[in-house]
């Protein structure tokens, strides 16, 4: 249901900051806070959950989680499309057989369209 990691699943603030290829001013600007506030978070080793989550999705772990989710959804939808194509092909074959039976039989218009086994 929720894609965000729990507090226990988040890497530490220092680890996430070290993983980002940006300097402290760029990170602070991205988060909408002052560099001094970011420095204070860094000194205490903790930040509000919203800041931690925003940083997480910018790290390699957050991007990896998002990429994995996208790949899994893509694979699932591809398989669903393949099943739908097979079902569609089978229904087309059934329809062609039914139309051939009707045109060959010369029977009544209300004769059963499909025969079972």
C-alpha atoms as a PDB file:
ATOM      1  CA  UNK A   1       0.000   0.000   0.000  1.00  0.00           C
ATOM      2  CA  UNK A   2       2.551   2.612   1.087  1.00  0.00           C
ATOM      3  CA  UNK A   3       5.741   2.876  -0.962  1.00  0.00           C
ATOM      4  CA  UNK A   4       7.675   5.014   1.505  1.00  0.00           C
ATOM      5  CA  UNK A   5       9.945   3.154   3.892  1.00  0.00           C
ATOM      6  CA  UNK A   6       9.117   3.111   7.575  1.00  0.00           C
ATOM      7  CA  UNK A   7      11.291   5.126   9.917  1.00  0.00           C
ATOM      8  CA  UNK A   8      13.244   1.949  10.657  1.00  0.00           C
ATOM      9  CA  UNK A   9      13.846   1.370   6.941  1.00  0.00           C
ATOM     10  CA  UNK A  10      15.287   4.794   6.195  1.00  0.00           C
ATOM     11  CA  UNK A  11      19.048   5.185   5.960  1.00  0.00           C
ATOM     12  CA  UNK A  12      20.538   7.687   8.385  1.00  0.00           C
ATOM     13  CA  UNK A  13      20.581  11.383   7.488  1.00  0.00           C
ATOM     14  CA  UNK A  14      24.380  11.502   7.146  1.00  0.00           C
ATOM     15  CA  UNK A  15      24.342   8.440   4.866  1.00  0.00           C
ATOM     16  CA  UNK A  16      21.672   9.948   2.616  1.00  0.00           C
ATOM     17  CA  UNK A  17      23.408  13.322   2.440  1.00  0.00           C
ATOM     18  CA  UNK A  18      26.684  11.607   1.536  1.00  0.00           C
ATOM     19  CA  UNK A  19      24.917   9.713  -1.256  1.00  0.00           C
ATOM     20  CA  UNK A  20      23.658  12.861  -2.963  1.00  0.00           C
ATOM     21  CA  UNK A  21      25.909  14.415  -5.619  1.00  0.00           C
ATOM     22  CA  UNK A  22      24.906  17.957  -4.631  1.00  0.00           C
ATOM     23  CA  UNK A  23      26.390  20.474  -2.220  1.00  0.00           C
ATOM     24  CA  UNK A  24      24.668  21.588   0.966  1.00  0.00           C
ATOM     25  CA  UNK A  25      23.199  24.756  -0.577  1.00  0.00           C
ATOM     26  CA  UNK A  26      21.643  22.834  -3.478  1.00  0.00           C
ATOM     27  CA  UNK A  27      20.164  20.264  -1.112  1.00  0.00           C
ATOM     28  CA  UNK A  28      18.747  22.990   1.153  1.00  0.00           C
ATOM     29  CA  UNK A  29      17.252  24.787  -1.867  1.00  0.00           C
ATOM     30  CA  UNK A  30      15.694  21.514  -3.079  1.00  0.00           C
ATOM     31  CA  UNK A  31      14.149  20.912   0.341  1.00  0.00           C
ATOM     32  CA  UNK A  32      12.936  24.511   0.685  1.00  0.00           C
ATOM     33  CA  UNK A  33      14.949  25.146   3.840  1.00  0.00           C
ATOM     34  CA  UNK A  34      17.930  27.334   4.647  1.00  0.00           C
ATOM     35  CA  UNK A  35      21.468  25.937   4.560  1.00  0.00           C
ATOM     36  CA  UNK A  36      21.705  26.713   8.282  1.00  0.00           C
ATOM     37  CA  UNK A  37      18.654  24.539   9.003  1.00  0.00           C
ATOM     38  CA  UNK A  38      20.179  21.711   6.982  1.00  0.00           C
ATOM     39  CA  UNK A  39      23.432  22.142   8.912  1.00  0.00           C
ATOM     40  CA  UNK A  40      21.497  21.923  12.188  1.00  0.00           C
ATOM     41  CA  UNK A  41      19.809  18.706  11.017  1.00  0.00           C
ATOM     42  CA  UNK A  42      23.211  17.368  10.058  1.00  0.00           C
ATOM     43  CA  UNK A  43      24.698  18.207  13.459  1.00  0.00           C
ATOM     44  CA  UNK A  44      21.865  16.522  15.365  1.00  0.00           C
ATOM     45  CA  UNK A  45      21.767  13.583  12.957  1.00  0.00           C
ATOM     46  CA  UNK A  46      18.014  13.786  12.540  1.00  0.00           C
ATOM     47  CA  UNK A  47      15.469  15.727  10.538  1.00  0.00           C
ATOM     48  CA  UNK A  48      11.673  15.805  10.239  1.00  0.00           C
ATOM     49  CA  UNK A  49      10.199  12.778   8.474  1.00  0.00           C
ATOM     50  CA  UNK A  50       9.176  14.860   5.448  1.00  0.00           C
ATOM     51  CA  UNK A  51      12.803  15.934   4.948  1.00  0.00           C
ATOM     52  CA  UNK A  52      14.032  12.365   5.419  1.00  0.00           C
ATOM     53  CA  UNK A  53      11.555  11.037   2.843  1.00  0.00           C
ATOM     54  CA  UNK A  54      12.364  13.801   0.355  1.00  0.00           C
ATOM     55  CA  UNK A  55      16.043  12.949   0.673  1.00  0.00           C
ATOM     56  CA  UNK A  56      15.397   9.200   0.488  1.00  0.00           C
ATOM     57  CA  UNK A  57      13.703   9.405  -2.921  1.00  0.00           C
ATOM     58  CA  UNK A  58      16.722  11.312  -4.270  1.00  0.00           C
ATOM     59  CA  UNK A  59      19.258   8.721  -3.076  1.00  0.00           C
ATOM     60  CA  UNK A  60      20.276   5.592  -4.956  1.00  0.00           C
ATOM     61  CA  UNK A  61      18.042   3.528  -2.641  1.00  0.00           C
ATOM     62  CA  UNK A  62      14.936   5.587  -3.342  1.00  0.00           C
ATOM     63  CA  UNK A  63      15.591   5.650  -7.085  1.00  0.00           C
ATOM     64  CA  UNK A  64      16.213   1.913  -7.022  1.00  0.00           C
ATOM     65  CA  UNK A  65      12.937   1.285  -5.187  1.00  0.00           C
ATOM     66  CA  UNK A  66      11.046   3.430  -7.717  1.00  0.00           C
ATOM     67  CA  UNK A  67      12.775   1.757 -10.677  1.00  0.00           C
ATOM     68  CA  UNK A  68      12.030  -1.709  -9.275  1.00  0.00           C
ATOM     69  CA  UNK A  69       8.379  -0.791  -8.759  1.00  0.00           C
ATOM     70  CA  UNK A  70       8.123   0.531 -12.312  1.00  0.00           C
ATOM     71  CA  UNK A  71       9.795  -2.587 -13.743  1.00  0.00           C
ATOM     72  CA  UNK A  72       7.473  -4.888 -11.798  1.00  0.00           C
ATOM     73  CA  UNK A  73       4.365  -2.998 -12.921  1.00  0.00           C
ATOM     74  CA  UNK A  74       5.619  -2.984 -16.503  1.00  0.00           C
ATOM     75  CA  UNK A  75       6.237  -6.742 -16.455  1.00  0.00           C
ATOM     76  CA  UNK A  76       2.830  -7.395 -14.931  1.00  0.00           C
ATOM     77  CA  UNK A  77       1.012  -5.268 -17.524  1.00  0.00           C
ATOM     78  CA  UNK A  78       3.002  -6.861 -20.342  1.00  0.00           C
ATOM     79  CA  UNK A  79       1.912 -10.311 -19.158  1.00  0.00           C
ATOM     80  CA  UNK A  80      -1.702  -9.156 -18.887  1.00  0.00           C
ATOM     81  CA  UNK A  81      -1.521  -7.843 -22.454  1.00  0.00           C
ATOM     82  CA  UNK A  82      -0.120 -11.174 -23.661  1.00  0.00           C
ATOM     83  CA  UNK A  83      -2.950 -13.076 -21.934  1.00  0.00           C
ATOM     84  CA  UNK A  84      -5.498 -10.706 -23.482  1.00  0.00           C
ATOM     85  CA  UNK A  85      -3.960 -11.233 -26.928  1.00  0.00           C
ATOM     86  CA  UNK A  86      -4.143 -15.028 -26.542  1.00  0.00           C
ATOM     87  CA  UNK A  87      -7.745 -14.814 -25.387  1.00  0.00           C
ATOM     88  CA  UNK A  88      -8.605 -12.514 -28.262  1.00  0.00           C
ATOM     89  CA  UNK A  89      -6.991 -14.877 -30.788  1.00  0.00           C
ATOM     90  CA  UNK A  90      -8.915 -17.828 -29.341  1.00  0.00           C
ATOM     91  CA  UNK A  91     -12.205 -15.911 -29.506  1.00  0.00           C
ATOM     92  CA  UNK A  92     -11.484 -14.960 -33.126  1.00  0.00           C
ATOM     93  CA  UNK A  93     -10.861 -18.632 -33.967  1.00  0.00           C
ATOM     94  CA  UNK A  94     -14.132 -19.602 -32.288  1.00  0.00           C
ATOM     95  CA  UNK A  95     -15.988 -16.912 -34.211  1.00  0.00           C
ATOM     96  CA  UNK A  96     -14.455 -18.024 -37.517  1.00  0.00           C
ATOM     97  CA  UNK A  97     -15.456 -21.639 -36.799  1.00  0.00           C
ATOM     98  CA  UNK A  98     -18.976 -20.561 -35.893  1.00  0.00           C
ATOM     99  CA  UNK A  99     -19.319 -18.477 -39.055  1.00  0.00           C
ATOM    100  CA  UNK A 100     -17.958 -21.337 -41.169  1.00  0.00           C
ATOM    101  CA  UNK A 101     -20.383 -23.802 -39.541  1.00  0.00           C
ATOM    102  CA  UNK A 102     -23.318 -21.481 -40.131  1.00  0.00           C
ATOM    103  CA  UNK A 103     -22.443 -20.835 -43.777  1.00  0.00           C
ATOM    104  CA  UNK A 104     -21.786 -24.547 -44.470  1.00  0.00           C
ATOM    105  CA  UNK A 105     -24.783 -25.946 -42.655  1.00  0.00           C
ATOM    106  CA  UNK A 106     -27.519 -23.937 -44.337  1.00  0.00           C
ATOM    107  CA  UNK A 107     -29.455 -24.490 -41.121  1.00  0.00           C
ATOM    108  CA  UNK A 108     -31.912 -22.280 -39.296  1.00  0.00           C
ATOM    109  CA  UNK A 109     -30.890 -18.782 -38.263  1.00  0.00           C
ATOM    110  CA  UNK A 110     -31.669 -19.574 -34.637  1.00  0.00           C
ATOM    111  CA  UNK A 111     -29.476 -22.698 -34.548  1.00  0.00           C
ATOM    112  CA  UNK A 112     -26.934 -22.780 -31.700  1.00  0.00           C
ATOM    113  CA  UNK A 113     -23.826 -20.789 -32.575  1.00  0.00           C
ATOM    114  CA  UNK A 114     -21.367 -22.787 -30.467  1.00  0.00           C
ATOM    115  CA  UNK A 115     -21.242 -26.488 -29.857  1.00  0.00           C
ATOM    116  CA  UNK A 116     -19.672 -27.891 -26.755  1.00  0.00           C
ATOM    117  CA  UNK A 117     -17.247 -30.761 -27.195  1.00  0.00           C
END
